[in-house]
Amino acid sequence: TITDGVRAMKEGAFDYLTKGDSDDQLLVIVERAMEKARLQRRVAELEKQVGAQHSFASMIGTSPALQRAKSLAERVAPTEAAVLLEGPTGSGKELFAQAIHQASPRRHKPFVAVNCSAFPKDLLESELFGYRKGAFTGANTDKKGLFEEANGGTLFLDEIGELDISLQAKLLRVLEAQEFHKLGDSKPTKANVRLVAATNRNLRAEADLGHFRADLYYRL
């Protein structure tokens, strides 16, 4: 019956036939099922290729410094710990962030990257946390922030040393409580995101000078 067919689909069946359906209908369903299987295999192949491109094995270099960095990153990758990558511009910090994501249990979820130095403070806040309709002039609809876009996966904050001190406090709140407030929203939103950050600054020195929150630095 149709009721049985619907129940079967809810439990994982691809489709169903009822008594009296024609052979042509059967062929259409079989062809659709085969096409879906082909697409699933193709997606799996592409995911494997992308993963290989961003893996630790794809990193070229034999210097002791690179090998030490890879070894440390490979050890931390399977964990849920936040990661801070420090190094000069052009040293491959985003490649390390992608490799950490690909070697983690979150590899099948989104990897979302943002350069903190590319946005003014107010715009970066709405990009990270999103906002509710009416939160400010021009907010005509709800908007998801990058923390929501990266849900279940990894959020890479490049140039975190450029983050305004007030946003540092909000980021610390996310790390401590796994939740955040959208602009214009009184209710918190849960954050299931692993944070990987990068900087070309010496954040420990910046923290000692009061230019970067020490508590955030040590959480990273």
N, C-alpha and C. Protein backbone atom coordinates (compact mmCIF):
# COMPACT_ATOMS: atom_id res chain seq x y z
N THR A 1 0.84 -1.20 0.00
CA THR A 1 0.00 0.00 0.00
C THR A 1 0.88 1.25 0.00
N ILE A 2 0.25 2.38 -0.31
CA ILE A 2 0.99 3.64 -0.29
C ILE A 2 1.52 3.94 1.11
N THR A 3 0.71 3.63 2.12
CA THR A 3 1.14 3.87 3.50
C THR A 3 2.39 3.07 3.83
N ASP A 4 2.41 1.80 3.41
CA ASP A 4 3.59 0.97 3.63
C ASP A 4 4.80 1.52 2.87
N GLY A 5 4.55 2.01 1.65
CA GLY A 5 5.64 2.56 0.85
C GLY A 5 6.25 3.79 1.49
N VAL A 6 5.39 4.68 2.00
CA VAL A 6 5.88 5.89 2.66
C VAL A 6 6.68 5.53 3.90
N ARG A 7 6.18 4.54 4.66
CA ARG A 7 6.90 4.11 5.86
C ARG A 7 8.27 3.54 5.49
N ALA A 8 8.31 2.77 4.41
CA ALA A 8 9.58 2.18 3.97
C ALA A 8 10.58 3.26 3.57
N MET A 9 10.10 4.32 2.88
CA MET A 9 11.00 5.41 2.48
C MET A 9 11.53 6.16 3.69
N LYS A 10 10.69 6.33 4.71
CA LYS A 10 11.15 6.98 5.94
C LYS A 10 12.25 6.18 6.62
N GLU A 11 12.22 4.85 6.39
CA GLU A 11 13.22 3.98 7.02
C GLU A 11 14.43 3.73 6.12
N GLY A 12 14.46 4.41 4.95
CA GLY A 12 15.65 4.34 4.13
C GLY A 12 15.48 3.80 2.72
N ALA A 13 14.29 3.34 2.37
CA ALA A 13 14.07 2.84 1.01
C ALA A 13 14.17 3.99 0.01
N PHE A 14 14.65 3.71 -1.19
CA PHE A 14 14.79 4.75 -2.21
C PHE A 14 13.43 5.17 -2.76
N ASP A 15 12.57 4.22 -3.06
CA ASP A 15 11.24 4.50 -3.62
C ASP A 15 10.37 3.27 -3.39
N TYR A 16 9.18 3.26 -3.92
CA TYR A 16 8.31 2.10 -3.75
C TYR A 16 7.37 1.96 -4.94
N LEU A 17 6.88 0.75 -5.12
CA LEU A 17 5.86 0.45 -6.13
C LEU A 17 4.64 -0.13 -5.42
N THR A 18 3.50 0.12 -6.00
CA THR A 18 2.28 -0.49 -5.47
C THR A 18 1.76 -1.52 -6.46
N LYS A 19 0.93 -2.40 -5.99
CA LYS A 19 0.37 -3.44 -6.85
C LYS A 19 -0.35 -2.81 -8.03
N GLY A 20 0.00 -3.26 -9.22
CA GLY A 20 -0.62 -2.73 -10.41
C GLY A 20 0.23 -1.73 -11.16
N ASP A 21 1.36 -1.28 -10.55
CA ASP A 21 2.26 -0.37 -11.27
C ASP A 21 2.88 -1.09 -12.46
N SER A 22 3.15 -0.36 -13.52
CA SER A 22 3.63 -0.95 -14.76
C SER A 22 5.13 -1.22 -14.71
N ASP A 23 5.59 -2.04 -15.68
CA ASP A 23 7.02 -2.31 -15.80
C ASP A 23 7.79 -1.03 -16.12
N ASP A 24 7.16 -0.13 -16.88
CA ASP A 24 7.82 1.13 -17.22
C ASP A 24 8.12 1.95 -15.96
N GLN A 25 7.18 1.95 -15.02
CA GLN A 25 7.40 2.67 -13.77
C GLN A 25 8.56 2.05 -12.99
N LEU A 26 8.64 0.71 -13.02
CA LEU A 26 9.73 0.02 -12.35
C LEU A 26 11.07 0.42 -12.96
N LEU A 27 11.13 0.47 -14.29
CA LEU A 27 12.38 0.83 -14.97
C LEU A 27 12.81 2.26 -14.62
N VAL A 28 11.85 3.18 -14.55
CA VAL A 28 12.17 4.57 -14.20
C VAL A 28 12.78 4.64 -12.81
N ILE A 29 12.18 3.91 -11.86
CA ILE A 29 12.69 3.94 -10.49
C ILE A 29 14.09 3.33 -10.42
N VAL A 30 14.30 2.22 -11.13
CA VAL A 30 15.61 1.58 -11.14
C VAL A 30 16.67 2.52 -11.73
N GLU A 31 16.32 3.20 -12.83
CA GLU A 31 17.27 4.12 -13.46
C GLU A 31 17.61 5.28 -12.51
N ARG A 32 16.60 5.79 -11.81
CA ARG A 32 16.85 6.88 -10.86
C ARG A 32 17.74 6.42 -9.71
N ALA A 33 17.50 5.19 -9.24
CA ALA A 33 18.32 4.65 -8.16
C ALA A 33 19.77 4.47 -8.60
N MET A 34 19.96 3.99 -9.83
CA MET A 34 21.32 3.81 -10.35
C MET A 34 22.02 5.15 -10.52
N GLU A 35 21.29 6.16 -10.99
CA GLU A 35 21.87 7.49 -11.16
C GLU A 35 22.27 8.08 -9.80
N LYS A 36 21.43 7.89 -8.81
CA LYS A 36 21.76 8.37 -7.47
C LYS A 36 23.02 7.69 -6.94
N ALA A 37 23.13 6.39 -7.17
CA ALA A 37 24.31 5.65 -6.71
C ALA A 37 25.57 6.16 -7.42
N ARG A 38 25.45 6.44 -8.73
CA ARG A 38 26.60 6.98 -9.47
C ARG A 38 27.02 8.34 -8.92
N LEU A 39 26.05 9.19 -8.62
CA LEU A 39 26.36 10.52 -8.08
C LEU A 39 27.01 10.41 -6.70
N GLN A 40 26.52 9.49 -5.89
CA GLN A 40 27.11 9.31 -4.56
C GLN A 40 28.56 8.84 -4.66
N ARG A 41 28.83 7.93 -5.60
CA ARG A 41 30.21 7.47 -5.79
C ARG A 41 31.10 8.62 -6.27
N ARG A 42 30.55 9.46 -7.18
CA ARG A 42 31.33 10.58 -7.70
C ARG A 42 31.64 11.59 -6.60
N VAL A 43 30.65 11.88 -5.77
CA VAL A 43 30.87 12.80 -4.66
C VAL A 43 31.94 12.25 -3.72
N ALA A 44 31.87 10.95 -3.43
CA ALA A 44 32.86 10.33 -2.55
C ALA A 44 34.26 10.42 -3.16
N GLU A 45 34.36 10.22 -4.49
CA GLU A 45 35.65 10.33 -5.16
C GLU A 45 36.20 11.75 -5.08
N LEU A 46 35.33 12.74 -5.32
CA LEU A 46 35.76 14.14 -5.27
C LEU A 46 36.18 14.53 -3.86
N GLU A 47 35.44 14.07 -2.85
CA GLU A 47 35.82 14.36 -1.47
C GLU A 47 37.18 13.77 -1.15
N LYS A 48 37.43 12.57 -1.67
CA LYS A 48 38.72 11.93 -1.44
C LYS A 48 39.85 12.71 -2.10
N GLN A 49 39.60 13.21 -3.33
CA GLN A 49 40.60 13.99 -4.04
C GLN A 49 40.90 15.30 -3.32
N VAL A 50 39.83 15.98 -2.87
CA VAL A 50 40.02 17.24 -2.16
C VAL A 50 40.78 17.00 -0.86
N GLY A 51 40.42 15.93 -0.16
CA GLY A 51 41.11 15.60 1.08
C GLY A 51 42.59 15.35 0.85
N ALA A 52 42.92 14.66 -0.25
CA ALA A 52 44.32 14.37 -0.55
C ALA A 52 45.09 15.65 -0.86
N GLN A 53 44.44 16.61 -1.53
CA GLN A 53 45.10 17.86 -1.87
C GLN A 53 45.44 18.68 -0.64
N HIS A 54 44.63 18.53 0.42
CA HIS A 54 44.83 19.33 1.62
C HIS A 54 45.32 18.48 2.80
N SER A 55 45.99 17.39 2.50
CA SER A 55 46.47 16.51 3.56
C SER A 55 47.90 16.88 3.96
N PHE A 56 48.34 16.35 5.09
CA PHE A 56 49.72 16.55 5.51
C PHE A 56 50.69 15.93 4.51
N ALA A 57 50.26 14.82 3.89
CA ALA A 57 51.14 14.14 2.94
C ALA A 57 51.42 14.99 1.70
N SER A 58 50.51 15.93 1.40
CA SER A 58 50.70 16.77 0.21
C SER A 58 51.69 17.91 0.43
N MET A 59 52.10 18.11 1.68
CA MET A 59 53.04 19.20 1.98
C MET A 59 54.44 18.81 1.54
N ILE A 60 55.07 19.68 0.77
CA ILE A 60 56.39 19.41 0.23
C ILE A 60 57.43 20.16 1.06
N GLY A 61 58.47 19.45 1.46
CA GLY A 61 59.53 20.09 2.23
C GLY A 61 60.13 19.10 3.21
N THR A 62 61.41 19.25 3.47
CA THR A 62 62.11 18.32 4.36
C THR A 62 62.83 19.02 5.50
N SER A 63 62.62 20.32 5.64
CA SER A 63 63.34 21.05 6.68
C SER A 63 62.91 20.55 8.06
N PRO A 64 63.81 20.56 9.03
CA PRO A 64 63.46 20.13 10.39
C PRO A 64 62.30 20.92 10.97
N ALA A 65 62.25 22.23 10.69
CA ALA A 65 61.18 23.07 11.23
C ALA A 65 59.83 22.62 10.69
N LEU A 66 59.75 22.34 9.38
CA LEU A 66 58.50 21.89 8.78
C LEU A 66 58.09 20.53 9.34
N GLN A 67 59.04 19.63 9.49
CA GLN A 67 58.73 18.30 10.00
C GLN A 67 58.23 18.37 11.44
N ARG A 68 58.81 19.25 12.25
CA ARG A 68 58.33 19.41 13.63
C ARG A 68 56.91 19.97 13.65
N ALA A 69 56.66 20.96 12.78
CA ALA A 69 55.33 21.56 12.71
C ALA A 69 54.29 20.53 12.26
N LYS A 70 54.64 19.73 11.25
CA LYS A 70 53.72 18.70 10.77
C LYS A 70 53.44 17.66 11.85
N SER A 71 54.48 17.25 12.56
CA SER A 71 54.32 16.24 13.60
C SER A 71 53.37 16.74 14.70
N LEU A 72 53.54 17.99 15.11
CA LEU A 72 52.68 18.55 16.15
C LEU A 72 51.25 18.69 15.64
N ALA A 73 51.10 19.16 14.40
CA ALA A 73 49.76 19.34 13.83
C ALA A 73 49.04 18.01 13.66
N GLU A 74 49.77 16.98 13.26
CA GLU A 74 49.18 15.65 13.10
C GLU A 74 48.70 15.08 14.43
N ARG A 75 49.40 15.42 15.50
CA ARG A 75 48.99 14.92 16.82
C ARG A 75 47.73 15.63 17.32
N VAL A 76 47.61 16.93 17.02
CA VAL A 76 46.47 17.68 17.53
C VAL A 76 45.24 17.55 16.63
N ALA A 77 45.44 17.20 15.36
CA ALA A 77 44.34 17.18 14.40
C ALA A 77 43.15 16.31 14.83
N PRO A 78 43.35 15.09 15.36
CA PRO A 78 42.19 14.25 15.70
C PRO A 78 41.44 14.71 16.95
N THR A 79 41.95 15.71 17.65
CA THR A 79 41.31 16.18 18.88
C THR A 79 40.30 17.28 18.55
N GLU A 80 39.64 17.77 19.59
CA GLU A 80 38.70 18.88 19.44
C GLU A 80 39.32 20.20 19.89
N ALA A 81 40.60 20.20 20.19
CA ALA A 81 41.26 21.39 20.73
C ALA A 81 41.31 22.51 19.70
N ALA A 82 41.15 23.75 20.18
CA ALA A 82 41.40 24.92 19.34
C ALA A 82 42.89 24.96 19.01
N VAL A 83 43.22 25.53 17.86
CA VAL A 83 44.61 25.54 17.40
C VAL A 83 45.00 26.96 16.99
N LEU A 84 46.19 27.38 17.40
CA LEU A 84 46.75 28.67 16.97
C LEU A 84 48.00 28.41 16.15
N LEU A 85 47.99 28.91 14.91
CA LEU A 85 49.13 28.77 14.00
C LEU A 85 49.83 30.11 13.90
N GLU A 86 51.11 30.14 14.22
CA GLU A 86 51.89 31.38 14.16
C GLU A 86 52.99 31.25 13.12
N GLY A 87 53.19 32.31 12.35
CA GLY A 87 54.23 32.29 11.34
C GLY A 87 54.09 33.48 10.42
N PRO A 88 55.14 33.81 9.67
CA PRO A 88 55.08 34.96 8.77
C PRO A 88 54.10 34.76 7.63
N THR A 89 53.68 35.85 7.03
CA THR A 89 52.78 35.79 5.88
C THR A 89 53.40 34.96 4.77
N GLY A 90 52.61 34.05 4.20
CA GLY A 90 53.10 33.21 3.12
C GLY A 90 53.77 31.93 3.57
N SER A 91 53.70 31.62 4.86
CA SER A 91 54.37 30.42 5.37
C SER A 91 53.48 29.18 5.33
N GLY A 92 52.26 29.30 4.81
CA GLY A 92 51.41 28.12 4.64
C GLY A 92 50.49 27.82 5.80
N LYS A 93 50.12 28.84 6.55
CA LYS A 93 49.27 28.60 7.73
C LYS A 93 47.89 28.06 7.34
N GLU A 94 47.32 28.58 6.25
CA GLU A 94 46.00 28.08 5.84
C GLU A 94 46.10 26.63 5.35
N LEU A 95 47.20 26.26 4.71
CA LEU A 95 47.39 24.87 4.30
C LEU A 95 47.41 23.95 5.51
N PHE A 96 48.06 24.40 6.58
CA PHE A 96 48.07 23.61 7.82
C PHE A 96 46.66 23.52 8.39
N ALA A 97 45.92 24.63 8.36
CA ALA A 97 44.56 24.62 8.89
C ALA A 97 43.69 23.62 8.12
N GLN A 98 43.81 23.61 6.79
CA GLN A 98 43.03 22.68 5.97
C GLN A 98 43.44 21.24 6.24
N ALA A 99 44.74 21.01 6.41
CA ALA A 99 45.21 19.65 6.69
C ALA A 99 44.72 19.16 8.05
N ILE A 100 44.71 20.05 9.03
CA ILE A 100 44.19 19.70 10.36
C ILE A 100 42.71 19.32 10.24
N HIS A 101 41.96 20.10 9.48
CA HIS A 101 40.54 19.79 9.28
C HIS A 101 40.35 18.44 8.61
N GLN A 102 41.13 18.17 7.56
CA GLN A 102 40.99 16.92 6.81
C GLN A 102 41.39 15.70 7.63
N ALA A 103 42.25 15.90 8.62
CA ALA A 103 42.69 14.78 9.46
C ALA A 103 41.85 14.65 10.73
N SER A 104 40.79 15.44 10.82
CA SER A 104 39.96 15.44 12.03
C SER A 104 38.65 14.69 11.80
N PRO A 105 37.93 14.37 12.87
CA PRO A 105 36.61 13.73 12.71
C PRO A 105 35.59 14.64 12.03
N ARG A 106 35.92 15.93 11.87
CA ARG A 106 35.01 16.89 11.24
C ARG A 106 35.24 17.02 9.74
N ARG A 107 36.04 16.14 9.15
CA ARG A 107 36.47 16.32 7.76
C ARG A 107 35.33 16.37 6.76
N HIS A 108 34.20 15.74 7.09
CA HIS A 108 33.07 15.71 6.15
C HIS A 108 32.12 16.89 6.35
N LYS A 109 32.46 17.77 7.27
CA LYS A 109 31.67 18.98 7.52
C LYS A 109 32.42 20.19 6.94
N PRO A 110 31.79 21.37 6.95
CA PRO A 110 32.41 22.52 6.27
C PRO A 110 33.73 22.98 6.88
N PHE A 111 34.60 23.47 6.01
CA PHE A 111 35.78 24.23 6.41
C PHE A 111 35.55 25.65 5.90
N VAL A 112 35.40 26.58 6.83
CA VAL A 112 35.08 27.97 6.48
C VAL A 112 36.22 28.86 6.93
N ALA A 113 36.72 29.69 6.02
CA ALA A 113 37.87 30.56 6.32
C ALA A 113 37.48 32.02 6.17
N VAL A 114 38.04 32.86 7.05
CA VAL A 114 37.82 34.30 6.95
C VAL A 114 39.09 35.01 7.40
N ASN A 115 39.44 36.08 6.69
CA ASN A 115 40.59 36.90 7.06
C ASN A 115 40.09 38.06 7.91
N CYS A 116 40.48 38.07 9.17
CA CYS A 116 39.97 39.07 10.11
C CYS A 116 40.42 40.49 9.76
N SER A 117 41.50 40.61 9.01
CA SER A 117 42.00 41.94 8.65
C SER A 117 41.27 42.53 7.45
N ALA A 118 40.40 41.74 6.82
CA ALA A 118 39.74 42.19 5.59
C ALA A 118 38.43 42.92 5.85
N PHE A 119 37.99 42.97 7.12
CA PHE A 119 36.70 43.58 7.45
C PHE A 119 36.86 44.62 8.55
N PRO A 120 36.12 45.73 8.48
CA PRO A 120 36.05 46.62 9.65
C PRO A 120 35.32 45.92 10.78
N LYS A 121 35.51 46.40 12.00
CA LYS A 121 35.00 45.73 13.20
C LYS A 121 33.52 45.38 13.12
N ASP A 122 32.66 46.36 12.82
CA ASP A 122 31.21 46.12 12.84
C ASP A 122 30.80 45.10 11.79
N LEU A 123 31.41 45.17 10.62
CA LEU A 123 31.07 44.23 9.56
C LEU A 123 31.56 42.83 9.90
N LEU A 124 32.74 42.73 10.51
CA LEU A 124 33.27 41.42 10.87
C LEU A 124 32.39 40.75 11.92
N GLU A 125 31.87 41.54 12.85
CA GLU A 125 30.99 40.97 13.87
C GLU A 125 29.75 40.34 13.25
N SER A 126 29.13 41.03 12.29
CA SER A 126 27.95 40.46 11.65
C SER A 126 28.31 39.28 10.76
N GLU A 127 29.52 39.29 10.17
CA GLU A 127 29.96 38.16 9.36
C GLU A 127 30.16 36.92 10.22
N LEU A 128 30.74 37.10 11.39
CA LEU A 128 31.03 35.96 12.26
C LEU A 128 29.78 35.41 12.92
N PHE A 129 28.96 36.31 13.46
CA PHE A 129 27.85 35.86 14.31
C PHE A 129 26.48 35.96 13.66
N GLY A 130 26.37 36.69 12.55
CA GLY A 130 25.08 36.84 11.91
C GLY A 130 24.20 37.85 12.63
N TYR A 131 22.99 38.04 12.13
CA TYR A 131 22.09 39.01 12.76
C TYR A 131 20.64 38.65 12.48
N ARG A 132 19.77 39.24 13.28
CA ARG A 132 18.34 39.09 13.11
C ARG A 132 17.78 40.25 12.29
N LYS A 133 16.70 39.98 11.62
CA LYS A 133 16.02 41.02 10.87
C LYS A 133 15.69 42.20 11.79
N GLY A 134 16.03 43.41 11.33
CA GLY A 134 15.76 44.60 12.12
C GLY A 134 16.83 44.95 13.13
N ALA A 135 17.93 44.19 13.16
CA ALA A 135 18.99 44.46 14.14
C ALA A 135 19.62 45.83 13.92
N PHE A 136 19.64 46.28 12.67
CA PHE A 136 20.18 47.60 12.33
C PHE A 136 19.60 48.01 10.99
N THR A 137 19.81 49.25 10.62
CA THR A 137 19.29 49.76 9.35
C THR A 137 19.87 48.94 8.20
N GLY A 138 18.99 48.41 7.38
CA GLY A 138 19.43 47.59 6.25
C GLY A 138 19.37 46.10 6.51
N ALA A 139 19.12 45.72 7.76
CA ALA A 139 18.99 44.29 8.09
C ALA A 139 17.56 43.85 7.80
N ASN A 140 17.28 43.59 6.54
CA ASN A 140 15.91 43.31 6.11
C ASN A 140 15.52 41.84 6.26
N THR A 141 16.51 40.98 6.45
CA THR A 141 16.25 39.55 6.65
C THR A 141 17.24 39.02 7.68
N ASP A 142 16.94 37.84 8.22
CA ASP A 142 17.91 37.17 9.08
C ASP A 142 19.12 36.76 8.24
N LYS A 143 20.29 36.76 8.86
CA LYS A 143 21.50 36.35 8.16
C LYS A 143 22.31 35.41 9.05
N LYS A 144 22.70 34.28 8.49
CA LYS A 144 23.57 33.36 9.20
C LYS A 144 24.99 33.91 9.22
N GLY A 145 25.67 33.72 10.33
CA GLY A 145 27.07 34.09 10.41
C GLY A 145 27.95 32.90 10.07
N LEU A 146 29.26 33.14 10.05
CA LEU A 146 30.19 32.08 9.68
C LEU A 146 30.23 30.95 10.70
N PHE A 147 29.94 31.27 11.97
CA PHE A 147 29.89 30.20 12.96
C PHE A 147 28.77 29.21 12.63
N GLU A 148 27.65 29.70 12.13
CA GLU A 148 26.57 28.80 11.72
C GLU A 148 26.91 28.10 10.42
N GLU A 149 27.54 28.82 9.49
CA GLU A 149 27.92 28.20 8.21
C GLU A 149 28.89 27.04 8.43
N ALA A 150 29.73 27.16 9.46
CA ALA A 150 30.73 26.13 9.74
C ALA A 150 30.22 25.08 10.72
N ASN A 151 28.94 25.07 11.00
CA ASN A 151 28.39 24.17 12.03
C ASN A 151 28.81 22.72 11.80
N GLY A 152 29.38 22.12 12.83
CA GLY A 152 29.84 20.74 12.74
C GLY A 152 31.24 20.61 12.19
N GLY A 153 31.77 21.70 11.61
CA GLY A 153 33.07 21.65 10.97
C GLY A 153 34.10 22.53 11.65
N THR A 154 34.91 23.20 10.82
CA THR A 154 36.03 24.00 11.30
C THR A 154 35.91 25.43 10.79
N LEU A 155 36.13 26.39 11.69
CA LEU A 155 36.19 27.80 11.30
C LEU A 155 37.63 28.26 11.43
N PHE A 156 38.19 28.75 10.32
CA PHE A 156 39.57 29.21 10.30
C PHE A 156 39.58 30.73 10.32
N LEU A 157 40.12 31.31 11.38
CA LEU A 157 40.23 32.75 11.53
C LEU A 157 41.67 33.17 11.23
N ASP A 158 41.89 33.65 10.02
CA ASP A 158 43.23 34.10 9.64
C ASP A 158 43.46 35.52 10.17
N GLU A 159 44.69 35.82 10.51
CA GLU A 159 45.07 37.13 11.05
C GLU A 159 44.22 37.50 12.27
N ILE A 160 44.13 36.57 13.20
CA ILE A 160 43.32 36.81 14.40
C ILE A 160 43.90 37.93 15.26
N GLY A 161 45.18 38.23 15.08
CA GLY A 161 45.80 39.32 15.82
C GLY A 161 45.21 40.68 15.49
N GLU A 162 44.49 40.77 14.37
CA GLU A 162 43.86 42.03 13.97
C GLU A 162 42.47 42.19 14.56
N LEU A 163 42.00 41.19 15.31
CA LEU A 163 40.65 41.21 15.84
C LEU A 163 40.51 42.29 16.92
N ASP A 164 39.45 43.10 16.81
CA ASP A 164 39.19 44.14 17.80
C ASP A 164 39.00 43.52 19.18
N ILE A 165 39.41 44.24 20.22
CA ILE A 165 39.40 43.70 21.58
C ILE A 165 37.99 43.29 22.01
N SER A 166 36.95 44.03 21.55
CA SER A 166 35.58 43.67 21.93
C SER A 166 35.15 42.37 21.27
N LEU A 167 35.60 42.13 20.04
CA LEU A 167 35.29 40.86 19.38
C LEU A 167 36.08 39.71 19.98
N GLN A 168 37.26 40.02 20.51
CA GLN A 168 38.03 38.98 21.21
C GLN A 168 37.23 38.44 22.39
N ALA A 169 36.53 39.34 23.10
CA ALA A 169 35.72 38.91 24.25
C ALA A 169 34.59 38.00 23.80
N LYS A 170 33.96 38.32 22.67
CA LYS A 170 32.87 37.48 22.17
C LYS A 170 33.38 36.14 21.68
N LEU A 171 34.57 36.15 21.09
CA LEU A 171 35.16 34.89 20.63
C LEU A 171 35.52 34.00 21.82
N LEU A 172 36.02 34.61 22.88
CA LEU A 172 36.33 33.86 24.09
C LEU A 172 35.07 33.21 24.65
N ARG A 173 33.96 33.93 24.59
CA ARG A 173 32.68 33.39 25.06
C ARG A 173 32.28 32.15 24.27
N VAL A 174 32.52 32.18 22.97
CA VAL A 174 32.20 31.01 22.14
C VAL A 174 33.04 29.81 22.56
N LEU A 175 34.33 30.05 22.80
CA LEU A 175 35.22 28.95 23.19
C LEU A 175 34.85 28.39 24.56
N GLU A 176 34.42 29.25 25.46
CA GLU A 176 34.12 28.80 26.82
C GLU A 176 32.73 28.16 26.94
N ALA A 177 31.74 28.76 26.28
CA ALA A 177 30.36 28.32 26.47
C ALA A 177 29.77 27.61 25.26
N GLN A 178 30.50 27.59 24.13
CA GLN A 178 29.99 26.97 22.91
C GLN A 178 28.65 27.57 22.48
N GLU A 179 28.55 28.90 22.62
CA GLU A 179 27.35 29.59 22.18
C GLU A 179 27.69 31.05 21.93
N PHE A 180 26.81 31.75 21.19
CA PHE A 180 27.03 33.15 20.88
C PHE A 180 25.68 33.82 20.67
N HIS A 181 25.70 35.14 20.64
CA HIS A 181 24.49 35.91 20.37
C HIS A 181 24.61 36.58 19.01
N LYS A 182 23.61 36.39 18.17
CA LYS A 182 23.55 37.15 16.93
C LYS A 182 23.21 38.60 17.25
N LEU A 183 23.58 39.49 16.36
CA LEU A 183 23.18 40.89 16.54
C LEU A 183 21.66 40.98 16.52
N GLY A 184 21.10 41.64 17.53
CA GLY A 184 19.66 41.81 17.59
C GLY A 184 18.91 40.63 18.15
N ASP A 185 19.61 39.65 18.71
CA ASP A 185 18.95 38.46 19.24
C ASP A 185 19.29 38.33 20.72
N SER A 186 18.26 38.17 21.55
CA SER A 186 18.47 38.03 22.99
C SER A 186 18.76 36.59 23.40
N LYS A 187 18.47 35.65 22.49
CA LYS A 187 18.68 34.24 22.81
C LYS A 187 20.00 33.76 22.22
N PRO A 188 20.75 32.95 22.97
CA PRO A 188 22.02 32.44 22.44
C PRO A 188 21.81 31.37 21.37
N THR A 189 22.77 31.26 20.48
CA THR A 189 22.78 30.22 19.45
C THR A 189 23.94 29.28 19.76
N LYS A 190 23.68 27.99 19.74
CA LYS A 190 24.72 27.01 20.02
C LYS A 190 25.75 26.98 18.89
N ALA A 191 27.00 26.77 19.26
CA ALA A 191 28.09 26.73 18.28
C ALA A 191 28.81 25.40 18.37
N ASN A 192 28.65 24.57 17.36
CA ASN A 192 29.37 23.30 17.28
C ASN A 192 30.45 23.44 16.23
N VAL A 193 31.52 24.13 16.60
CA VAL A 193 32.57 24.49 15.65
C VAL A 193 33.94 24.31 16.30
N ARG A 194 34.87 23.77 15.53
CA ARG A 194 36.27 23.75 15.98
C ARG A 194 36.95 25.00 15.43
N LEU A 195 37.70 25.67 16.28
CA LEU A 195 38.34 26.92 15.88
C LEU A 195 39.82 26.69 15.62
N VAL A 196 40.26 27.11 14.43
CA VAL A 196 41.68 27.16 14.10
C VAL A 196 41.99 28.61 13.73
N ALA A 197 42.98 29.19 14.37
CA ALA A 197 43.32 30.59 14.13
C ALA A 197 44.77 30.70 13.69
N ALA A 198 45.08 31.81 13.01
CA ALA A 198 46.44 32.02 12.53
C ALA A 198 46.80 33.50 12.66
N THR A 199 48.08 33.76 12.81
CA THR A 199 48.55 35.14 12.92
C THR A 199 50.01 35.22 12.49
N ASN A 200 50.39 36.40 12.01
CA ASN A 200 51.81 36.65 11.72
C ASN A 200 52.45 37.47 12.84
N ARG A 201 51.69 37.67 13.92
CA ARG A 201 52.20 38.42 15.07
C ARG A 201 52.65 37.46 16.17
N ASN A 202 53.40 38.00 17.12
CA ASN A 202 53.75 37.27 18.34
C ASN A 202 52.65 37.58 19.35
N LEU A 203 51.63 36.73 19.41
CA LEU A 203 50.47 37.04 20.25
C LEU A 203 50.80 37.01 21.74
N ARG A 204 51.78 36.22 22.12
CA ARG A 204 52.15 36.23 23.54
C ARG A 204 52.69 37.60 23.94
N ALA A 205 53.53 38.17 23.07
CA ALA A 205 54.05 39.51 23.34
C ALA A 205 52.93 40.54 23.29
N GLU A 206 52.00 40.37 22.33
CA GLU A 206 50.87 41.28 22.23
C GLU A 206 50.00 41.21 23.49
N ALA A 207 49.84 40.00 24.03
CA ALA A 207 49.06 39.84 25.26
C ALA A 207 49.76 40.50 26.44
N ASP A 208 51.09 40.36 26.50
CA ASP A 208 51.85 40.98 27.59
C ASP A 208 51.72 42.50 27.55
N LEU A 209 51.57 43.05 26.34
CA LEU A 209 51.44 44.50 26.18
C LEU A 209 50.00 44.97 26.34
N GLY A 210 49.06 44.03 26.47
CA GLY A 210 47.66 44.39 26.61
C GLY A 210 46.95 44.63 25.30
N HIS A 211 47.59 44.27 24.19
CA HIS A 211 46.99 44.48 22.87
C HIS A 211 46.14 43.29 22.42
N PHE A 212 46.27 42.17 23.13
CA PHE A 212 45.49 40.97 22.82
C PHE A 212 45.13 40.32 24.15
N ARG A 213 43.90 39.84 24.25
CA ARG A 213 43.45 39.26 25.52
C ARG A 213 44.28 38.02 25.87
N ALA A 214 44.87 38.04 27.07
CA ALA A 214 45.69 36.91 27.49
C ALA A 214 44.85 35.65 27.67
N ASP A 215 43.61 35.81 28.19
CA ASP A 215 42.77 34.62 28.40
C ASP A 215 42.40 33.97 27.08
N LEU A 216 42.17 34.78 26.04
CA LEU A 216 41.88 34.21 24.72
C LEU A 216 43.12 33.53 24.15
N TYR A 217 44.27 34.16 24.32
CA TYR A 217 45.51 33.58 23.81
C TYR A 217 45.74 32.18 24.41
N TYR A 218 45.53 32.05 25.71
CA TYR A 218 45.79 30.76 26.34
C TYR A 218 44.70 29.74 26.03
N ARG A 219 43.49 30.19 25.68
CA ARG A 219 42.46 29.25 25.24
C ARG A 219 42.77 28.71 23.85
N LEU A 220 43.46 29.53 23.05
CA LEU A 220 43.85 29.09 21.71
C LEU A 220 45.09 28.20 21.76
